[in-house]
Amino acid sequence: MHSINFTDARKHFADTMKRVTDDAEPVRILRREAPDVMMVDAEEYEALTDRNGVSL
């Protein structure tokens, strides 16, 4: 899994999305004073939530 800080993720948003979708690799976005977030491919997210019975 790749990690990137928020500023770089914002600067390189298109490249970050491409990495997530083309390589099916989640990216952890690190934030200084807030919880980190994960960027995952929509199909992977749907598979994870369906598998775990999660509904958003």
N, C-alpha and C. Protein backbone atom coordinates (compact mmCIF):
# COMPACT_ATOMS: atom_id res chain seq x y z
N MET A 1 0.84 -1.17 0.00
CA MET A 1 0.00 0.00 0.00
C MET A 1 0.89 1.24 0.00
N HIS A 2 0.48 2.20 -0.76
CA HIS A 2 1.21 3.46 -0.90
C HIS A 2 0.62 4.49 0.07
N SER A 3 1.46 5.34 0.62
CA SER A 3 1.02 6.45 1.46
C SER A 3 1.53 7.75 0.87
N ILE A 4 0.73 8.79 1.01
CA ILE A 4 1.10 10.11 0.48
C ILE A 4 0.51 11.16 1.42
N ASN A 5 1.22 12.26 1.61
CA ASN A 5 0.65 13.30 2.47
C ASN A 5 -0.42 14.07 1.71
N PHE A 6 -1.27 14.75 2.46
CA PHE A 6 -2.42 15.43 1.89
C PHE A 6 -2.03 16.45 0.82
N THR A 7 -1.00 17.23 1.08
CA THR A 7 -0.57 18.26 0.13
C THR A 7 -0.15 17.64 -1.19
N ASP A 8 0.64 16.57 -1.15
CA ASP A 8 1.06 15.92 -2.38
C ASP A 8 -0.10 15.23 -3.08
N ALA A 9 -1.02 14.65 -2.30
CA ALA A 9 -2.19 14.01 -2.90
C ALA A 9 -3.02 15.05 -3.66
N ARG A 10 -3.16 16.21 -3.08
CA ARG A 10 -3.93 17.28 -3.74
C ARG A 10 -3.21 17.76 -5.00
N LYS A 11 -1.90 17.94 -4.91
CA LYS A 11 -1.12 18.40 -6.07
C LYS A 11 -1.15 17.40 -7.21
N HIS A 12 -1.16 16.12 -6.87
CA HIS A 12 -1.06 15.04 -7.87
C HIS A 12 -2.31 14.17 -7.85
N PHE A 13 -3.47 14.82 -7.71
CA PHE A 13 -4.71 14.08 -7.53
C PHE A 13 -4.99 13.12 -8.69
N ALA A 14 -4.83 13.58 -9.92
CA ALA A 14 -5.10 12.72 -11.08
C ALA A 14 -4.16 11.52 -11.09
N ASP A 15 -2.89 11.74 -10.80
CA ASP A 15 -1.92 10.64 -10.76
C ASP A 15 -2.25 9.65 -9.64
N THR A 16 -2.68 10.19 -8.50
CA THR A 16 -3.04 9.33 -7.38
C THR A 16 -4.25 8.47 -7.73
N MET A 17 -5.26 9.07 -8.36
CA MET A 17 -6.44 8.30 -8.77
C MET A 17 -6.05 7.24 -9.79
N LYS A 18 -5.17 7.59 -10.71
CA LYS A 18 -4.73 6.63 -11.73
C LYS A 18 -4.04 5.44 -11.07
N ARG A 19 -3.21 5.71 -10.10
CA ARG A 19 -2.52 4.63 -9.38
C ARG A 19 -3.53 3.70 -8.71
N VAL A 20 -4.54 4.28 -8.10
CA VAL A 20 -5.57 3.50 -7.41
C VAL A 20 -6.36 2.65 -8.39
N THR A 21 -6.78 3.23 -9.50
CA THR A 21 -7.63 2.50 -10.43
C THR A 21 -6.84 1.56 -11.33
N ASP A 22 -5.72 1.99 -11.85
CA ASP A 22 -4.95 1.15 -12.78
C ASP A 22 -4.25 -0.01 -12.09
N ASP A 23 -3.72 0.25 -10.91
CA ASP A 23 -2.94 -0.77 -10.20
C ASP A 23 -3.75 -1.48 -9.12
N ALA A 24 -5.00 -1.05 -8.94
CA ALA A 24 -5.85 -1.60 -7.87
C ALA A 24 -5.11 -1.54 -6.53
N GLU A 25 -4.38 -0.44 -6.32
CA GLU A 25 -3.60 -0.27 -5.10
C GLU A 25 -4.21 0.84 -4.25
N PRO A 26 -4.67 0.53 -3.04
CA PRO A 26 -5.18 1.58 -2.17
C PRO A 26 -4.08 2.58 -1.82
N VAL A 27 -4.46 3.81 -1.61
CA VAL A 27 -3.51 4.85 -1.20
C VAL A 27 -4.00 5.45 0.11
N ARG A 28 -3.11 5.50 1.08
CA ARG A 28 -3.42 6.13 2.37
C ARG A 28 -3.00 7.59 2.28
N ILE A 29 -3.94 8.49 2.57
CA ILE A 29 -3.66 9.92 2.54
C ILE A 29 -3.48 10.38 3.98
N LEU A 30 -2.26 10.84 4.26
CA LEU A 30 -1.87 11.22 5.62
C LEU A 30 -2.20 12.70 5.85
N ARG A 31 -2.85 12.97 6.97
CA ARG A 31 -3.19 14.34 7.32
C ARG A 31 -2.59 14.66 8.68
N ARG A 32 -2.14 15.89 8.85
CA ARG A 32 -1.43 16.27 10.07
C ARG A 32 -2.29 16.21 11.33
N GLU A 33 -3.40 16.90 11.31
CA GLU A 33 -4.18 17.01 12.54
C GLU A 33 -5.57 16.43 12.39
N ALA A 34 -5.66 15.39 11.59
CA ALA A 34 -6.94 14.72 11.38
C ALA A 34 -6.64 13.26 11.05
N PRO A 35 -7.63 12.41 11.20
CA PRO A 35 -7.41 11.00 10.86
C PRO A 35 -7.06 10.84 9.37
N ASP A 36 -6.23 9.85 9.09
CA ASP A 36 -5.88 9.54 7.71
C ASP A 36 -7.11 9.01 6.99
N VAL A 37 -7.08 9.06 5.67
CA VAL A 37 -8.15 8.50 4.85
C VAL A 37 -7.54 7.56 3.82
N MET A 38 -8.37 6.66 3.31
CA MET A 38 -7.94 5.72 2.28
C MET A 38 -8.66 6.04 0.98
N MET A 39 -7.91 5.99 -0.12
CA MET A 39 -8.51 6.10 -1.44
C MET A 39 -8.44 4.71 -2.05
N VAL A 40 -9.61 4.16 -2.38
CA VAL A 40 -9.67 2.83 -2.98
C VAL A 40 -10.53 2.87 -4.23
N ASP A 41 -10.28 1.94 -5.12
CA ASP A 41 -11.06 1.79 -6.34
C ASP A 41 -12.52 1.50 -5.96
N ALA A 42 -13.46 2.08 -6.69
CA ALA A 42 -14.89 1.92 -6.37
C ALA A 42 -15.31 0.45 -6.36
N GLU A 43 -14.83 -0.33 -7.32
CA GLU A 43 -15.20 -1.75 -7.35
C GLU A 43 -14.68 -2.49 -6.12
N GLU A 44 -13.46 -2.16 -5.70
CA GLU A 44 -12.90 -2.78 -4.50
C GLU A 44 -13.71 -2.38 -3.27
N TYR A 45 -14.07 -1.12 -3.19
CA TYR A 45 -14.88 -0.64 -2.07
C TYR A 45 -16.22 -1.38 -2.01
N GLU A 46 -16.87 -1.48 -3.17
CA GLU A 46 -18.16 -2.17 -3.22
C GLU A 46 -18.02 -3.64 -2.81
N ALA A 47 -16.96 -4.28 -3.26
CA ALA A 47 -16.73 -5.68 -2.89
C ALA A 47 -16.51 -5.80 -1.38
N LEU A 48 -15.76 -4.89 -0.81
CA LEU A 48 -15.50 -4.92 0.64
C LEU A 48 -16.77 -4.68 1.44
N THR A 49 -17.56 -3.71 1.04
CA THR A 49 -18.76 -3.40 1.80
C THR A 49 -19.83 -4.47 1.62
N ASP A 50 -19.96 -5.04 0.43
CA ASP A 50 -20.92 -6.12 0.20
C ASP A 50 -20.54 -7.35 1.02
N ARG A 51 -19.25 -7.65 1.04
CA ARG A 51 -18.74 -8.82 1.75
C ARG A 51 -19.00 -8.72 3.25
N ASN A 52 -18.93 -7.51 3.76
CA ASN A 52 -19.08 -7.31 5.20
C ASN A 52 -20.47 -6.84 5.61
N GLY A 53 -21.38 -6.77 4.66
CA GLY A 53 -22.74 -6.36 4.96
C GLY A 53 -22.86 -4.91 5.38
N VAL A 54 -21.92 -4.08 4.94
CA VAL A 54 -21.93 -2.66 5.30
C VAL A 54 -22.76 -1.90 4.28
N SER A 55 -23.55 -0.99 4.76
CA SER A 55 -24.36 -0.15 3.88
C SER A 55 -24.15 1.30 4.26
N LEU A 56 -23.77 2.11 3.27
CA LEU A 56 -23.57 3.54 3.54
C LEU A 56 -24.60 4.36 2.82
